[in-house]
Each structure stands twice: as structure tokens, then as C-alpha cells.
Protein backbone atom coordinates (compact mmCIF):
# COMPACT_ATOMS: atom_id res chain seq x y z
CA MET A 1 -78.94 -82.14 -95.85
CA SER A 2 -75.50 -80.82 -96.42
CA ALA A 3 -74.82 -80.58 -92.68
CA THR A 4 -75.88 -84.28 -92.15
CA ILE A 5 -73.08 -86.68 -91.24
CA SER A 6 -72.59 -89.73 -93.30
CA PRO A 7 -73.05 -92.97 -91.35
CA MET A 8 -70.33 -94.67 -93.35
CA THR A 9 -67.48 -92.09 -93.29
CA GLY A 10 -68.55 -89.97 -90.23
CA LEU A 11 -68.00 -86.84 -92.40
CA TRP A 12 -70.50 -84.16 -93.52
CA TYR A 13 -71.98 -84.58 -96.94
CA GLY A 14 -71.26 -81.04 -97.97
CA VAL A 15 -73.01 -78.57 -100.31
CA GLU A 16 -71.14 -79.68 -103.37
CA ARG A 17 -71.98 -83.39 -102.98
CA VAL A 18 -75.62 -82.79 -102.14
CA CYS A 19 -76.20 -80.39 -105.00
CA ALA A 20 -74.48 -82.80 -107.49
CA ALA A 21 -76.71 -85.63 -106.28
CA TRP A 22 -79.86 -83.58 -106.65
CA ASP A 23 -78.69 -82.00 -109.93
CA TYR A 24 -79.14 -78.60 -108.44
CA PRO A 25 -76.75 -75.67 -109.11
CA ARG A 26 -74.72 -74.45 -106.15
CA SER A 27 -75.10 -70.85 -107.20
CA SER A 28 -78.93 -71.20 -106.73
CA TYR A 29 -78.33 -72.82 -103.28
CA TYR A 30 -76.09 -70.02 -102.19
CA SER A 31 -78.49 -67.37 -103.67
CA ARG A 32 -81.32 -68.80 -101.59
CA GLN A 33 -79.09 -68.76 -98.47
CA ARG A 34 -78.31 -65.12 -99.08
CA GLN A 35 -82.08 -64.34 -99.31
CA TYR A 36 -82.87 -66.14 -96.13
CA THR A 37 -80.04 -64.56 -94.11
CA ALA A 38 -80.55 -61.02 -95.57
CA ASN A 39 -83.86 -60.67 -93.64
CA THR A 40 -82.30 -61.69 -90.34
CA GLU A 41 -79.08 -59.79 -90.54
CA LEU A 42 -78.38 -56.80 -88.37
CA PRO A 43 -77.71 -53.55 -90.30
CA ARG A 44 -74.03 -53.36 -91.30
CA GLU A 45 -71.82 -50.54 -89.98
CA LYS A 46 -70.02 -48.24 -92.39
CA ARG A 47 -66.67 -49.65 -93.69
CA GLY A 48 -63.41 -48.07 -93.16
CA PRO A 49 -61.43 -46.81 -90.10
CA LYS A 50 -63.52 -45.67 -87.18
CA THR A 51 -62.82 -42.37 -85.55
CA ASP A 52 -64.56 -40.45 -82.75
CA LEU A 53 -63.99 -37.11 -84.51
CA CYS A 54 -66.88 -35.27 -86.07
CA ASP A 55 -66.36 -33.35 -89.24
CA THR A 56 -65.85 -30.02 -87.55
CA ASP A 57 -63.15 -31.41 -85.38
CA LEU A 58 -61.45 -33.11 -88.36
CA LEU A 59 -61.71 -29.76 -90.25
CA ALA A 60 -59.84 -28.11 -87.45
CA LEU A 61 -57.09 -30.76 -87.54
CA ILE A 62 -56.79 -30.40 -91.39
CA ARG A 63 -56.53 -26.60 -91.09
CA HIS A 64 -53.83 -26.98 -88.46
CA ASP A 65 -51.96 -29.45 -90.61
CA LEU A 66 -52.00 -27.15 -93.61
CA GLN A 67 -50.83 -24.26 -91.54
CA GLU A 68 -47.92 -26.28 -90.18
CA SER A 69 -46.85 -27.41 -93.60
CA PRO A 70 -43.95 -25.39 -95.31
CA TRP A 71 -45.53 -26.00 -98.70
CA GLN A 72 -48.35 -24.13 -100.38
CA GLY A 73 -51.40 -25.81 -102.04
CA GLU A 74 -51.05 -29.32 -100.61
CA GLY A 75 -53.50 -32.02 -101.76
CA HIS A 76 -55.75 -34.29 -99.72
CA ARG A 77 -53.38 -37.26 -100.04
CA LYS A 78 -50.60 -35.63 -98.08
CA VAL A 79 -52.88 -34.31 -95.51
CA TRP A 80 -54.47 -37.64 -95.02
CA ALA A 81 -51.12 -39.44 -94.81
CA ARG A 82 -49.81 -36.99 -92.18
CA LEU A 83 -53.01 -37.31 -90.14
CA ARG A 84 -52.87 -41.10 -90.38
CA LEU A 85 -49.19 -41.82 -90.11
CA VAL A 86 -47.70 -39.00 -88.15
CA LYS A 87 -50.51 -37.99 -85.83
CA GLY A 88 -52.05 -41.49 -85.67
CA ILE A 89 -55.57 -40.41 -86.40
CA PRO A 90 -57.50 -43.22 -88.13
CA VAL A 91 -59.46 -41.40 -90.86
CA ALA A 92 -60.49 -42.41 -94.35
CA ARG A 93 -58.84 -40.64 -97.34
CA LYS A 94 -62.15 -39.96 -99.05
CA ARG A 95 -63.56 -38.31 -95.98
CA VAL A 96 -60.52 -35.94 -95.88
CA LEU A 97 -61.06 -35.29 -99.65
CA ARG A 98 -64.76 -34.51 -98.98
CA ILE A 99 -64.12 -32.19 -96.06
CA MET A 100 -61.32 -30.35 -97.87
CA ARG A 101 -63.48 -29.97 -101.02
CA GLU A 102 -66.50 -28.63 -99.05
CA ASN A 103 -64.37 -26.07 -97.40
CA HIS A 104 -62.32 -25.07 -100.41
CA LEU A 105 -59.02 -26.25 -99.12
CA LEU A 106 -57.91 -28.28 -102.06
CA SER A 107 -54.80 -27.16 -104.06
CA PRO A 108 -55.68 -24.99 -106.87
CA HIS A 109 -55.64 -26.34 -110.41
CA ARG A 110 -52.78 -25.61 -112.71
CA PHE A 111 -53.57 -22.85 -115.20
CA VAL A 112 -52.98 -23.90 -118.74
CA HIS A 113 -51.77 -21.10 -120.96
CA PRO A 114 -53.62 -20.89 -124.29
CA PRO A 115 -51.24 -21.67 -127.25
CA HIS A 116 -50.03 -18.75 -129.17
CA ASP A 117 -48.84 -18.62 -132.78
CA HIS A 118 -45.12 -18.58 -133.60
CA ASP A 119 -44.66 -15.32 -135.40
CA GLY A 120 -40.79 -15.43 -135.60
CA GLU A 121 -38.56 -17.01 -138.23
CA ILE A 122 -35.97 -19.85 -137.89
CA GLY A 123 -33.92 -20.65 -140.94
CA THR A 124 -30.57 -21.40 -142.49
CA ASP A 125 -28.46 -19.67 -145.17
CA LYS A 126 -28.44 -22.48 -147.70
CA PRO A 127 -30.53 -25.68 -148.43
CA ASN A 128 -29.66 -29.08 -147.40
CA ASP A 129 -28.08 -28.14 -144.08
CA MET A 130 -29.26 -30.62 -141.43
CA TRP A 131 -30.10 -29.07 -138.10
CA GLY A 132 -32.62 -29.50 -135.28
CA THR A 133 -33.77 -27.58 -132.30
CA ASP A 134 -35.93 -28.27 -129.26
CA GLY A 135 -37.19 -26.11 -126.35
CA THR A 136 -38.36 -26.91 -122.83
CA GLN A 137 -39.70 -24.83 -120.03
CA VAL A 138 -38.09 -25.08 -116.57
CA LEU A 139 -39.51 -23.68 -113.33
CA THR A 140 -36.78 -21.81 -111.31
CA VAL A 141 -36.91 -20.28 -107.88
CA GLU A 142 -35.70 -16.78 -108.81
CA ASP A 143 -36.98 -16.22 -112.29
CA GLY A 144 -40.02 -18.33 -112.48
CA ASN A 145 -40.61 -20.19 -115.78
CA VAL A 146 -37.54 -20.06 -118.10
CA TRP A 147 -37.34 -21.40 -121.61
CA ILE A 148 -34.23 -23.45 -122.69
CA PHE A 149 -33.54 -23.92 -126.31
CA THR A 150 -30.97 -26.31 -127.81
CA ALA A 151 -29.85 -26.55 -131.28
CA GLN A 152 -27.80 -29.26 -133.10
CA VAL A 153 -26.04 -28.56 -136.41
CA LEU A 154 -24.99 -31.32 -138.82
CA GLY A 155 -24.05 -29.13 -141.79
CA HIS A 156 -20.95 -27.16 -142.82
CA ARG A 157 -22.25 -23.65 -142.14
CA PHE A 158 -25.16 -22.65 -139.87
CA GLN A 159 -26.70 -19.42 -139.22
CA PHE A 160 -29.48 -19.14 -136.75
CA ARG A 161 -32.00 -16.34 -137.05
CA PHE A 162 -34.89 -15.79 -134.76
CA ARG A 163 -37.07 -12.68 -134.91
CA SER A 164 -40.07 -12.10 -132.74
């Protein structure tokens, strides 16, 4: 009925107008349409970029990309981006992730050091001296992780003691 042309205007009636005239919800109309077309549809192809590469060929390209890279422990996103943008290979990011995970090529997880108790002593000579300190860890090329401590003194006399 919705595809019928009105003799007065020469236009289609449309789904909205027909459903309103019959007091029938449009959602039910579209739900029925989906049921009828679902039985006649061809099977859908997988979504995403299509590539002629099988997983073994893609694994060889991933290994080659990781060997060419000057960095250690690269993640799947950088590998995927270089394959897609630099080499022009249309491949899905999740497929690269799956292949790298299955072959243990993902970057290693960062090791979290267990907390250790502070067994030193930080103090001043007299009460009511205002001071503050803060520390941060910085990764350097030559020495590895290095601690940097800063101290700010807002009193007359300050004596800093630290024993470990």
C-alpha cells in the first residue's frame, strides 16, 4: 500500500502515512520487513578491509616489519599503521593484534616494582619550620632509572638529614 501512487497528487503514499491511517506502529512494519528479507538475503561477507594475504603471509610481513624497526617491543598499532600506510597493505588492526598475540610478538608488559617501606629519616632541627620535598623517577639512556629529589624551604634554618 505504501508504494501505491495517490491519484490526486501523483505521489507515493509512503510508510508513515499508511501506518498512521491504519493506526499501526512503523517499528512493527519495519520489523516484519526485516523478517521477510532475512530469509531471502545472501550470506553477508566479513566486514573490514579485504586482503589476499593468508595469516602465514601476514605473519611474515609483521616479522619483517618488526626486524626493520629501530625500536624494541613495538605494539600492534604501530605495526598495523606501517603495514597500512607505508606499505599499502589493507589489513584490519584486530587481525594484526590476533596474529601478533598468537605468535608472542606483542611488546612485553611493564614490570611494576613492589613497594618498599621507607626506612630512612627526614627531619628538621626545630619545630615550625615549613619545608616540602618531592621525588620523581626519570629514565635516562646511560644510567637507566634515576631518582630526582627537590626540596623547598620556607623557614629560617633548614637541616636535611636522610639515612638509609
